[in-house]
Amino acid sequence: MNLPRTDYHIHTHYLGCANSTMTIPEIIQECQSFGVTSLAITDHLNTPEQIPLHLKIRQELEQLEAEIEIFFGVELNFTRCDGDFVFSQEIKDKIGFQFAIGGIHTTYLEQYDLKKLVEIQHRHHLKTCLHPLVDVLVHPYWFGKGEFDRNNWPWFDSMKAIPISYIRELGQVARETGTAIEINSSANLSNFRFSHQYVEEYLEFLAILNEEKVCFSLCSDAHSREKLKTVQTSWQVAEKLGLPSERIWKPPVKSFVKKDQVRN
């Protein structure tokens, strides 16, 4: 099966969440070395104060020469439980973002309650899919282990807590809204904090979404240069699921690097 070799969730050093190895030239060089043909820069926009940093990314991208497709996206996070994203059509146009990925990045719990945790996640997944400016739902059912350790909560290490009805509903809403769902390698599939059991159950979760005929976005979610290669895991999973090329998501715009800027 010859599926697209894409990575549409990559961070840079500009926002501070990725390390110093994640300069844009280094990202491109590393991705080219193992066969990526299309990628996107998608740093966080959690507060309005981060907007000038995205302008710097845009300026660097505008000066690029490259041999592969490069897109300019943004990753969004909810400002609070049941809140909204720091995003609008005005911001999208002003900064020049070509697309947006987004989703929930915390439990929003004050006390541990597994059933409530799952319900909050599901609610925010659906809200993300229904947002008119969001193209991709990021890493469903990923959690930062630090939050659990700080609160002395049981670690979320099994997908069995997710009702099948939730998975089916997510798939149906994603399909109806045209929202892609990430197959995220470093957050979900190659994350040493999750057990082999979690990964196997996560593959079952993706298989059910596949039955609902959703589109998937393949990505590394890399925050360091060494993590970029993990995108190969998402490629392998896409092949294992038997995804057709038409359900591998791609930004519905032209590459940010114009054709006459690409080296022959």
Protein backbone atom coordinates (compact mmCIF):
# COMPACT_ATOMS: atom_id res chain seq x y z
CA MET A 1 0.00 0.00 0.00
CA ASN A 2 1.44 3.36 -1.04
CA LEU A 3 -0.02 5.89 1.41
CA PRO A 4 1.06 9.56 1.68
CA ARG A 5 4.11 10.13 3.88
CA THR A 6 2.85 13.16 5.77
CA ASP A 7 3.32 14.82 9.17
CA TYR A 8 0.84 17.57 9.98
CA HIS A 9 1.58 18.19 13.67
CA ILE A 10 5.09 19.53 14.36
CA HIS A 11 6.27 22.04 16.96
CA THR A 12 9.20 24.48 16.84
CA HIS A 13 11.52 26.18 19.32
CA TYR A 14 9.65 29.47 18.86
CA LEU A 15 6.93 28.74 21.43
CA GLY A 16 9.23 27.07 23.94
CA CYS A 17 7.31 23.78 24.12
CA ALA A 18 9.80 22.17 21.72
CA ASN A 19 13.54 22.11 22.35
CA SER A 20 16.33 23.93 20.56
CA THR A 21 16.76 21.19 17.95
CA MET A 22 13.40 22.12 16.46
CA THR A 23 14.42 24.90 14.14
CA ILE A 24 12.48 24.94 10.90
CA PRO A 25 15.52 24.12 8.69
CA GLU A 26 16.44 21.18 10.95
CA ILE A 27 12.86 19.92 10.92
CA ILE A 28 12.76 19.96 7.13
CA GLN A 29 16.17 18.32 6.79
CA GLU A 30 15.31 15.54 9.23
CA CYS A 31 11.89 14.88 7.72
CA GLN A 32 13.33 14.65 4.22
CA SER A 33 15.94 12.15 5.42
CA PHE A 34 13.34 9.46 6.14
CA GLY A 35 10.82 10.13 3.41
CA VAL A 36 8.30 12.77 4.53
CA THR A 37 6.85 14.39 1.41
CA SER A 38 4.48 16.88 3.07
CA LEU A 39 4.61 18.51 6.51
CA ALA A 40 3.13 21.31 8.56
CA ILE A 41 4.36 23.57 11.33
CA THR A 42 1.64 23.68 14.00
CA ASP A 43 2.74 25.47 17.15
CA HIS A 44 0.43 26.27 20.06
CA LEU A 45 -1.85 29.29 20.27
CA ASN A 46 -3.14 29.23 23.86
CA THR A 47 -3.11 32.97 24.60
CA PRO A 48 -3.21 36.16 22.50
CA GLU A 49 0.31 36.94 23.73
CA GLN A 50 1.63 34.10 21.58
CA ILE A 51 0.47 35.68 18.32
CA PRO A 52 3.73 37.62 17.67
CA LEU A 53 5.68 34.35 17.88
CA HIS A 54 3.53 32.89 15.12
CA LEU A 55 4.28 35.94 13.00
CA LYS A 56 7.97 35.07 13.35
CA ILE A 57 7.26 31.54 12.17
CA ARG A 58 5.36 32.92 9.20
CA GLN A 59 8.23 35.26 8.32
CA GLU A 60 10.68 32.36 8.36
CA LEU A 61 8.43 30.18 6.25
CA GLU A 62 8.05 32.97 3.69
CA GLN A 63 11.82 32.97 3.18
CA LEU A 64 12.13 29.20 2.83
CA GLU A 65 13.40 27.12 -0.02
CA ALA A 66 12.45 23.47 0.21
CA GLU A 67 11.93 20.34 -1.85
CA ILE A 68 8.80 19.14 -0.06
CA GLU A 69 5.37 20.60 0.65
CA ILE A 70 5.27 22.80 3.75
CA PHE A 71 2.08 24.16 5.34
CA PHE A 72 1.48 26.72 8.10
CA GLY A 73 -0.99 25.58 10.72
CA VAL A 74 -1.71 26.16 14.39
CA GLU A 75 -2.63 23.99 17.40
CA LEU A 76 -5.46 25.22 19.62
CA ASN A 77 -6.29 24.43 23.24
CA PHE A 78 -9.43 25.21 25.23
CA THR A 79 -9.05 28.23 27.50
CA ARG A 80 -11.01 26.45 30.26
CA CYS A 81 -13.44 23.57 30.71
CA ASP A 82 -16.21 24.07 28.15
CA GLY A 83 -14.48 27.26 27.08
CA ASP A 84 -13.39 28.21 23.59
CA PHE A 85 -10.20 28.48 21.56
CA VAL A 86 -8.12 31.65 21.20
CA PHE A 87 -8.96 31.71 17.52
CA SER A 88 -11.19 33.46 15.03
CA GLN A 89 -11.43 34.04 11.31
CA GLU A 90 -9.82 37.43 11.91
CA ILE A 91 -6.80 35.87 13.65
CA LYS A 92 -6.55 33.18 10.99
CA ASP A 93 -6.49 35.78 8.22
CA LYS A 94 -4.18 38.19 10.06
CA ILE A 95 -1.50 35.58 10.80
CA GLY A 96 -1.99 33.62 7.60
CA PHE A 97 -2.72 30.25 9.18
CA GLN A 98 -3.76 27.75 6.53
CA PHE A 99 -5.57 25.42 8.91
CA ALA A 100 -6.09 24.65 12.58
CA ILE A 101 -5.77 21.52 14.68
CA GLY A 102 -7.07 21.50 18.22
CA GLY A 103 -8.46 19.69 21.20
CA ILE A 104 -8.36 19.07 24.93
CA HIS A 105 -5.03 19.02 26.79
CA THR A 106 -5.98 18.36 30.41
CA THR A 107 -8.50 16.47 32.56
CA TYR A 108 -10.29 19.55 34.01
CA LEU A 109 -10.80 17.52 37.19
CA GLU A 110 -10.43 18.73 40.76
CA GLN A 111 -10.98 15.25 42.19
CA TYR A 112 -10.33 11.97 40.43
CA ASP A 113 -13.42 10.43 38.86
CA LEU A 114 -12.75 8.15 35.88
CA LYS A 115 -16.29 8.27 34.51
CA LYS A 116 -16.33 12.08 34.69
CA LEU A 117 -12.85 12.27 33.17
CA VAL A 118 -13.95 10.27 30.13
CA GLU A 119 -17.18 12.26 29.77
CA ILE A 120 -15.27 15.57 29.81
CA GLN A 121 -12.87 14.29 27.18
CA HIS A 122 -15.68 13.09 24.95
CA ARG A 123 -17.62 16.33 25.29
CA HIS A 124 -14.59 18.37 24.26
CA HIS A 125 -13.78 16.02 21.37
CA LEU A 126 -17.25 16.59 19.95
CA LYS A 127 -17.01 20.34 20.55
CA THR A 128 -13.73 20.41 18.64
CA CYS A 129 -15.23 18.58 15.69
CA LEU A 130 -18.17 20.99 15.63
CA HIS A 131 -15.95 24.10 15.60
CA PRO A 132 -16.14 25.63 12.11
CA LEU A 133 -12.47 26.69 12.06
CA VAL A 134 -10.90 23.46 13.29
CA ASP A 135 -9.79 20.91 10.71
CA VAL A 136 -8.23 18.19 12.88
CA LEU A 137 -8.92 16.78 16.35
CA VAL A 138 -5.61 16.29 18.15
CA HIS A 139 -4.54 13.19 20.14
CA PRO A 140 -7.85 11.99 21.61
CA TYR A 141 -7.34 10.37 25.03
CA TRP A 142 -3.78 11.56 25.48
CA PHE A 143 -2.92 12.78 28.98
CA GLY A 144 0.10 14.41 30.55
CA LYS A 145 1.29 12.07 33.29
CA GLY A 146 2.51 14.96 35.43
CA GLU A 147 -1.06 15.99 36.21
CA PHE A 148 -1.82 12.51 37.53
CA ASP A 149 1.42 12.25 39.53
CA ARG A 150 0.97 15.67 41.16
CA ASN A 151 -2.50 14.71 42.35
CA ASN A 152 -1.64 11.12 43.22
CA TRP A 153 -4.33 9.86 40.84
CA PRO A 154 -4.37 6.42 39.18
CA TRP A 155 -2.70 6.69 35.79
CA PHE A 156 -4.97 6.52 32.73
CA ASP A 157 -3.45 3.48 31.04
CA SER A 158 -6.39 1.67 29.47
CA MET A 159 -8.86 2.60 26.76
CA LYS A 160 -11.40 0.14 28.14
CA ALA A 161 -12.98 3.00 30.11
CA ILE A 162 -14.22 4.55 26.84
CA PRO A 163 -17.78 3.42 26.00
CA ILE A 164 -18.12 2.09 22.45
CA SER A 165 -21.05 4.49 22.04
CA TYR A 166 -18.68 7.42 22.64
CA ILE A 167 -16.29 6.15 19.96
CA ARG A 168 -19.10 5.64 17.47
CA GLU A 169 -20.53 9.09 18.19
CA LEU A 170 -17.12 10.72 17.76
CA GLY A 171 -16.64 8.94 14.46
CA GLN A 172 -20.07 9.96 13.19
CA VAL A 173 -19.65 13.61 14.19
CA ALA A 174 -16.13 13.76 12.72
CA ARG A 175 -17.37 12.26 9.46
CA GLU A 176 -20.36 14.59 9.26
CA THR A 177 -18.31 17.72 9.98
CA GLY A 178 -15.35 16.69 7.83
CA THR A 179 -13.00 16.83 10.82
CA ALA A 180 -9.97 14.57 10.63
CA ILE A 181 -8.79 12.64 13.70
CA GLU A 182 -5.11 12.29 14.44
CA ILE A 183 -3.17 9.08 14.43
CA ASN A 184 -0.60 10.66 16.73
CA SER A 185 2.60 8.69 17.10
CA SER A 186 4.53 10.38 19.91
CA ALA A 187 1.53 11.32 22.07
CA ASN A 188 -0.43 8.06 21.90
CA LEU A 189 1.41 5.27 20.11
CA SER A 190 5.12 5.69 20.93
CA ASN A 191 4.78 7.27 24.35
CA PHE A 192 6.82 5.38 26.98
CA ARG A 193 4.35 6.51 29.66
CA PHE A 194 1.66 4.30 28.14
CA SER A 195 1.78 0.51 28.40
CA HIS A 196 1.69 -1.99 25.56
CA GLN A 197 -1.88 -2.76 26.63
CA TYR A 198 -2.90 0.89 26.19
CA VAL A 199 -1.39 0.95 22.68
CA GLU A 200 -3.18 -2.25 21.67
CA GLU A 201 -6.46 -0.86 22.98
CA TYR A 202 -5.80 2.43 21.23
CA LEU A 203 -5.44 0.57 17.94
CA GLU A 204 -8.87 -0.94 18.59
CA PHE A 205 -10.21 2.58 19.20
CA LEU A 206 -8.79 3.72 15.85
CA ALA A 207 -10.22 0.66 14.13
CA ILE A 208 -13.74 1.54 15.33
CA LEU A 209 -13.30 5.11 14.10
CA ASN A 210 -12.16 3.65 10.78
CA GLU A 211 -15.39 1.66 10.58
CA GLU A 212 -17.19 5.02 10.78
CA LYS A 213 -15.27 6.14 7.66
CA VAL A 214 -13.56 9.13 9.25
CA CYS A 215 -10.52 10.83 7.78
CA PHE A 216 -7.27 10.58 9.68
CA SER A 217 -4.32 12.95 9.95
CA LEU A 218 -0.91 11.26 10.29
CA CYS A 219 1.54 13.02 12.56
CA SER A 220 4.45 12.87 14.98
CA ASP A 221 3.51 15.75 17.31
CA ALA A 222 7.27 16.07 17.67
CA HIS A 223 8.79 18.43 20.25
CA SER A 224 12.38 17.34 19.57
CA ARG A 225 14.24 16.36 16.42
CA GLU A 226 14.64 12.76 17.56
CA LYS A 227 10.86 12.40 17.84
CA LEU A 228 10.17 13.33 14.22
CA LYS A 229 10.85 9.77 13.07
CA THR A 230 8.04 8.46 15.26
CA VAL A 231 5.64 9.56 12.51
CA GLN A 232 6.60 6.31 10.83
CA THR A 233 4.52 4.54 13.48
CA SER A 234 1.43 6.45 12.36
CA TRP A 235 2.17 5.49 8.75
CA GLN A 236 2.39 1.82 9.78
CA VAL A 237 -0.89 2.04 11.68
CA ALA A 238 -2.61 3.63 8.68
CA GLU A 239 -1.44 0.71 6.55
CA LYS A 240 -2.52 -1.82 9.19
CA LEU A 241 -6.00 -0.25 9.28
CA GLY A 242 -6.18 -0.47 5.50
CA LEU A 243 -6.92 3.23 5.11
CA PRO A 244 -7.51 4.38 1.55
CA SER A 245 -5.51 7.40 0.43
CA GLU A 246 -8.66 9.49 0.13
CA ARG A 247 -9.18 9.22 3.90
CA ILE A 248 -5.68 10.42 4.74
CA TRP A 249 -6.21 14.11 5.50
CA LYS A 250 -4.24 16.84 3.77
CA PRO A 251 -4.59 20.62 4.18
CA PRO A 252 -7.12 21.75 1.55
CA VAL A 253 -4.85 24.55 0.32
CA LYS A 254 -1.67 24.98 -1.68
CA SER A 255 1.68 24.54 0.01
CA PHE A 256 2.78 27.65 1.93
CA VAL A 257 6.09 27.54 0.07
CA LYS A 258 5.17 28.72 -3.40
CA LYS A 259 6.04 26.57 -6.38
CA ASP A 260 8.63 29.02 -7.71
CA GLN A 261 10.42 28.88 -4.35
CA VAL A 262 10.91 25.13 -4.49
CA ARG A 263 14.30 23.92 -5.64
CA ASN A 264 14.40 21.60 -8.67
